[in-house]
Amino acid sequence: MDGPHDLGGKEGFGPINREHDNGPFHEAWEGRAFAIVHTGGGNSNWSVDWFRHSRELIEPTDYLTRPYFDQWAQTVMAQMIEAGHVTLHELISGVSVADVKAEVPAKEAKDIDRVITTERSFEVEPKAPPRFKIGDQIITNRYGHSGHSRLPGYARGCRGVILSHHGAHPLADAMARGEMVPEHLYTVAFAAEELWPEAKGSQDKVNIDLWESYFEHA
C-alpha cells in the first residue's frame, strides 16, 4: 500500500542520521517494547506481515514523528485490542480487569538464547514450477494495491535481472490477510539509474528480494 512507511527515493525528509554505536536500543523501554511484540502479538494467527501492515496503518503524523519502537508498541497494542486480549481502558490505566489466558504461552528467559540462535527456514512447498530463471530480464508491476506489499514504490515499473531463486515462500501480501499462499521468491538486481534518474551513469546496483507476482518478463 502507499503510505508514510514507503519513503525510499522520496525527497524532502531531511538527511539520514547514521548511528555508529551498534546498539539495538538507546533506552530501556525500547527493549521492553521489542520483547512485548515478540511475546504478545495478538493470537495464533499473528504474523510479521500482519504486524507490518498494521504498523503501516498508523497515521502519517504519528508514523513520521514518533520513535521507531514507539511505533512497535502502538502497533502491538492495537493488535492485542483487536484480538480481544486487552481493552483500550486497560492499556491507558495500566491495570488489568480480566484474567485472559494467552493462546500462545509466553517465552521464558531461558528460551531466548535458543530462539535467537536457532536458524529458521520459511521455505514452503511450491504449487507450481518457477516462471523465471536466473538471468531473465523482468519489469516490475507499475501499480500497488491497498494491502501490504514488499514491492517498494521506488522499484515499480522498473527493469531488472533475476540474480537468484530462493524457492517458494509465503507471499507477504497474503500472509497479512491471514492466508498462506506459497510463491516463488527471487533476488532481482536493478541498475541504480533505473530506479532513480539522478543516478544516471552510476555503476551501482540495488538487489531486492521480490515475489513472483511482483513482476513479468520484460
Protein backbone atom coordinates (compact mmCIF):
# COMPACT_ATOMS: atom_id res chain seq x y z
CA MET A 1 0.00 0.00 0.00
CA ASP A 2 1.06 3.59 -0.48
CA GLY A 3 1.73 5.08 2.94
CA PRO A 4 4.19 7.05 5.05
CA HIS A 5 6.37 3.96 5.53
CA ASP A 6 7.42 3.80 1.86
CA LEU A 7 9.93 6.66 1.75
CA GLY A 8 12.66 5.14 -0.43
CA GLY A 9 13.71 7.60 -3.12
CA LYS A 10 11.45 10.39 -1.87
CA GLU A 11 12.84 13.84 -1.13
CA GLY A 12 12.05 16.46 1.50
CA PHE A 13 12.51 14.40 4.68
CA GLY A 14 15.97 15.61 5.59
CA PRO A 15 19.23 13.69 5.97
CA ILE A 16 19.51 10.14 7.28
CA ASN A 17 21.17 10.20 10.69
CA ARG A 18 23.66 7.34 10.77
CA GLU A 19 24.47 5.81 14.14
CA HIS A 20 27.73 4.07 14.94
CA ASP A 21 27.22 2.67 18.43
CA ASN A 22 25.88 -0.67 17.07
CA GLY A 23 23.44 -0.87 19.98
CA PRO A 24 19.89 -2.04 19.18
CA PHE A 25 18.31 0.03 21.97
CA HIS A 26 19.01 3.52 23.28
CA GLU A 27 16.69 3.36 26.29
CA ALA A 28 15.37 0.53 28.46
CA TRP A 29 11.76 1.00 27.32
CA GLU A 30 12.76 0.22 23.72
CA GLY A 31 13.97 -3.23 24.75
CA ARG A 32 10.71 -3.82 26.60
CA ALA A 33 8.69 -2.77 23.55
CA PHE A 34 10.71 -5.19 21.42
CA ALA A 35 10.06 -8.01 23.91
CA ILE A 36 6.33 -7.28 24.10
CA VAL A 37 5.99 -7.51 20.32
CA HIS A 38 7.73 -10.89 20.26
CA THR A 39 5.71 -12.36 23.13
CA GLY A 40 2.28 -10.77 22.75
CA GLY A 41 1.45 -10.40 19.08
CA GLY A 42 -2.30 -10.89 19.39
CA ASN A 43 -3.27 -14.50 18.67
CA SER A 44 -2.07 -17.68 16.96
CA ASN A 45 -2.80 -16.18 13.52
CA TRP A 46 -0.29 -13.39 14.12
CA SER A 47 2.44 -13.00 11.51
CA VAL A 48 5.21 -10.50 10.86
CA ASP A 49 3.37 -9.43 7.69
CA TRP A 50 0.19 -8.68 9.66
CA PHE A 51 2.33 -6.69 12.11
CA ARG A 52 3.92 -4.72 9.28
CA HIS A 53 0.58 -4.00 7.65
CA SER A 54 -0.89 -2.83 10.97
CA ARG A 55 2.11 -0.57 11.52
CA GLU A 56 1.68 0.88 8.02
CA LEU A 57 -1.85 1.96 9.02
CA ILE A 58 -0.52 4.40 11.64
CA GLU A 59 -1.48 7.97 10.82
CA PRO A 60 1.30 9.71 8.84
CA THR A 61 1.95 12.36 11.50
CA ASP A 62 2.43 9.67 14.15
CA TYR A 63 4.47 7.44 11.86
CA LEU A 64 6.89 10.17 10.84
CA THR A 65 7.37 11.80 14.24
CA ARG A 66 7.30 9.02 16.84
CA PRO A 67 10.36 6.88 17.71
CA TYR A 68 10.73 3.53 15.95
CA PHE A 69 9.98 1.29 18.93
CA ASP A 70 7.17 3.60 19.99
CA GLN A 71 5.53 2.65 16.69
CA TRP A 72 6.11 -1.00 17.55
CA ALA A 73 4.37 -0.55 20.90
CA GLN A 74 1.47 1.31 19.31
CA THR A 75 1.06 -1.45 16.71
CA VAL A 76 1.13 -4.41 19.08
CA MET A 77 -1.31 -2.66 21.45
CA ALA A 78 -3.77 -2.19 18.59
CA GLN A 79 -3.37 -5.84 17.60
CA MET A 80 -3.93 -7.08 21.16
CA ILE A 81 -7.08 -4.96 21.41
CA GLU A 82 -8.29 -6.33 18.06
CA ALA A 83 -7.59 -9.90 19.26
CA GLY A 84 -9.62 -9.29 22.43
CA HIS A 85 -6.73 -9.81 24.86
CA VAL A 86 -6.87 -6.32 26.38
CA THR A 87 -9.06 -3.24 26.24
CA LEU A 88 -8.11 0.34 25.50
CA HIS A 89 -9.06 1.23 29.08
CA GLU A 90 -6.65 -1.39 30.46
CA LEU A 91 -3.79 -0.04 28.36
CA ILE A 92 -4.47 3.57 29.38
CA SER A 93 -4.86 2.73 33.07
CA GLY A 94 -2.13 0.10 33.22
CA VAL A 95 -4.45 -2.14 35.24
CA SER A 96 -5.82 -5.47 34.02
CA VAL A 97 -9.52 -6.03 34.72
CA ALA A 98 -9.81 -9.58 33.37
CA ASP A 99 -7.87 -12.82 33.55
CA VAL A 100 -7.28 -13.67 29.89
CA LYS A 101 -5.42 -16.87 29.10
CA ALA A 102 -2.94 -16.39 26.27
CA GLU A 103 -3.28 -18.75 23.30
CA VAL A 104 0.50 -18.87 22.93
CA PRO A 105 2.47 -19.37 26.17
CA ALA A 106 4.94 -16.59 26.89
CA LYS A 107 8.62 -17.43 26.35
CA GLU A 108 10.76 -17.68 29.45
CA ALA A 109 14.18 -16.05 29.78
CA LYS A 110 15.94 -19.41 29.38
CA ASP A 111 14.32 -19.86 25.96
CA ILE A 112 15.59 -16.62 24.47
CA ASP A 113 19.12 -17.74 23.56
CA ARG A 114 17.75 -20.78 21.79
CA VAL A 115 15.18 -18.73 19.89
CA ILE A 116 17.61 -16.09 18.65
CA THR A 117 20.42 -18.50 17.74
CA THR A 118 18.43 -21.25 16.01
CA GLU A 119 18.37 -20.98 12.25
CA ARG A 120 14.90 -20.98 10.70
CA SER A 121 13.78 -21.62 7.14
CA PHE A 122 10.49 -20.24 5.85
CA GLU A 123 10.67 -22.10 2.55
CA VAL A 124 7.44 -23.95 1.69
CA GLU A 125 6.35 -26.42 -0.96
CA PRO A 126 5.53 -24.61 -4.23
CA LYS A 127 2.24 -25.17 -6.05
CA ALA A 128 3.79 -24.60 -9.47
CA PRO A 129 7.27 -24.53 -11.03
CA PRO A 130 9.09 -21.17 -11.17
CA ARG A 131 8.19 -18.96 -14.14
CA PHE A 132 11.58 -17.27 -14.20
CA LYS A 133 15.20 -18.36 -14.27
CA ILE A 134 18.48 -16.69 -13.38
CA GLY A 135 19.40 -14.10 -15.99
CA ASP A 136 15.84 -13.36 -17.12
CA GLN A 137 15.01 -9.72 -17.81
CA ILE A 138 11.91 -8.59 -15.90
CA ILE A 139 9.82 -5.49 -15.33
CA THR A 140 8.05 -4.90 -12.03
CA ASN A 141 4.38 -4.04 -11.56
CA ARG A 142 3.68 -0.37 -12.11
CA TYR A 143 0.86 -0.11 -9.56
CA GLY A 144 0.48 -1.17 -5.94
CA HIS A 145 -2.66 -2.17 -4.06
CA SER A 146 -4.44 -1.28 -0.84
CA GLY A 147 -2.95 -4.09 1.25
CA HIS A 148 0.53 -4.99 2.42
CA SER A 149 3.28 -5.38 -0.18
CA ARG A 150 7.04 -5.86 -0.12
CA LEU A 151 7.47 -4.20 -3.52
CA PRO A 152 8.80 -0.71 -2.68
CA GLY A 153 7.33 2.25 -4.52
CA TYR A 154 10.68 3.31 -5.98
CA ALA A 155 11.04 -0.08 -7.73
CA ARG A 156 7.66 -0.11 -9.50
CA GLY A 157 7.64 -0.18 -13.29
CA CYS A 158 11.40 -0.79 -13.37
CA ARG A 159 13.52 -3.25 -15.35
CA GLY A 160 15.79 -5.69 -13.58
CA VAL A 161 17.57 -9.03 -13.93
CA ILE A 162 16.91 -12.22 -11.95
CA LEU A 163 20.02 -12.77 -9.83
CA SER A 164 18.96 -15.81 -7.79
CA HIS A 165 15.97 -18.00 -6.93
CA HIS A 166 15.16 -18.91 -3.31
CA GLY A 167 12.37 -21.45 -3.75
CA ALA A 168 8.81 -20.81 -2.61
CA HIS A 169 7.99 -18.72 0.46
CA PRO A 170 4.71 -17.45 1.94
CA LEU A 171 3.60 -14.40 -0.05
CA ALA A 172 3.72 -11.44 2.33
CA ASP A 173 0.67 -9.78 0.75
CA ALA A 174 -1.45 -12.85 1.51
CA MET A 175 0.01 -13.54 4.97
CA ALA A 176 -1.02 -10.02 6.02
CA ARG A 177 -4.61 -11.15 5.28
CA GLY A 178 -4.16 -14.41 7.19
CA GLU A 179 -3.79 -16.51 4.03
CA MET A 180 -0.97 -18.92 3.22
CA VAL A 181 -0.03 -18.59 -0.46
CA PRO A 182 3.25 -20.25 -1.48
CA GLU A 183 5.02 -18.24 -4.17
CA HIS A 184 8.50 -18.30 -5.68
CA LEU A 185 10.91 -15.70 -4.31
CA TYR A 186 13.79 -14.18 -6.26
CA THR A 187 16.58 -11.68 -5.83
CA VAL A 188 16.35 -9.10 -8.62
CA ALA A 189 19.23 -6.77 -9.50
CA PHE A 190 18.42 -3.22 -10.63
CA ALA A 191 20.79 -0.61 -12.01
CA ALA A 192 20.66 2.43 -9.73
CA GLU A 193 19.86 4.70 -12.68
CA GLU A 194 16.82 2.51 -13.45
CA LEU A 195 15.41 3.30 -10.01
CA TRP A 196 16.49 6.93 -9.70
CA PRO A 197 17.05 9.17 -12.76
CA GLU A 198 19.57 11.31 -10.87
CA ALA A 199 21.82 8.23 -10.64
CA LYS A 200 22.36 8.23 -14.42
CA GLY A 201 25.84 6.98 -15.24
CA SER A 202 26.30 5.29 -11.84
CA GLN A 203 27.71 1.76 -11.75
CA ASP A 204 25.80 0.98 -8.54
CA LYS A 205 23.20 -1.77 -8.41
CA VAL A 206 20.42 -2.48 -5.93
CA ASN A 207 19.33 -6.06 -5.15
CA ILE A 208 15.74 -6.57 -3.95
CA ASP A 209 14.05 -9.82 -2.91
CA LEU A 210 10.71 -9.98 -4.74
CA TRP A 211 7.90 -12.49 -5.07
CA GLU A 212 6.95 -13.82 -8.50
CA SER A 213 3.64 -11.94 -8.75
CA TYR A 214 5.51 -8.64 -8.42
CA PHE A 215 6.86 -8.70 -11.97
CA GLU A 216 6.58 -10.03 -15.53
CA HIS A 217 9.04 -10.84 -18.32
CA ALA A 218 10.41 -7.68 -19.89
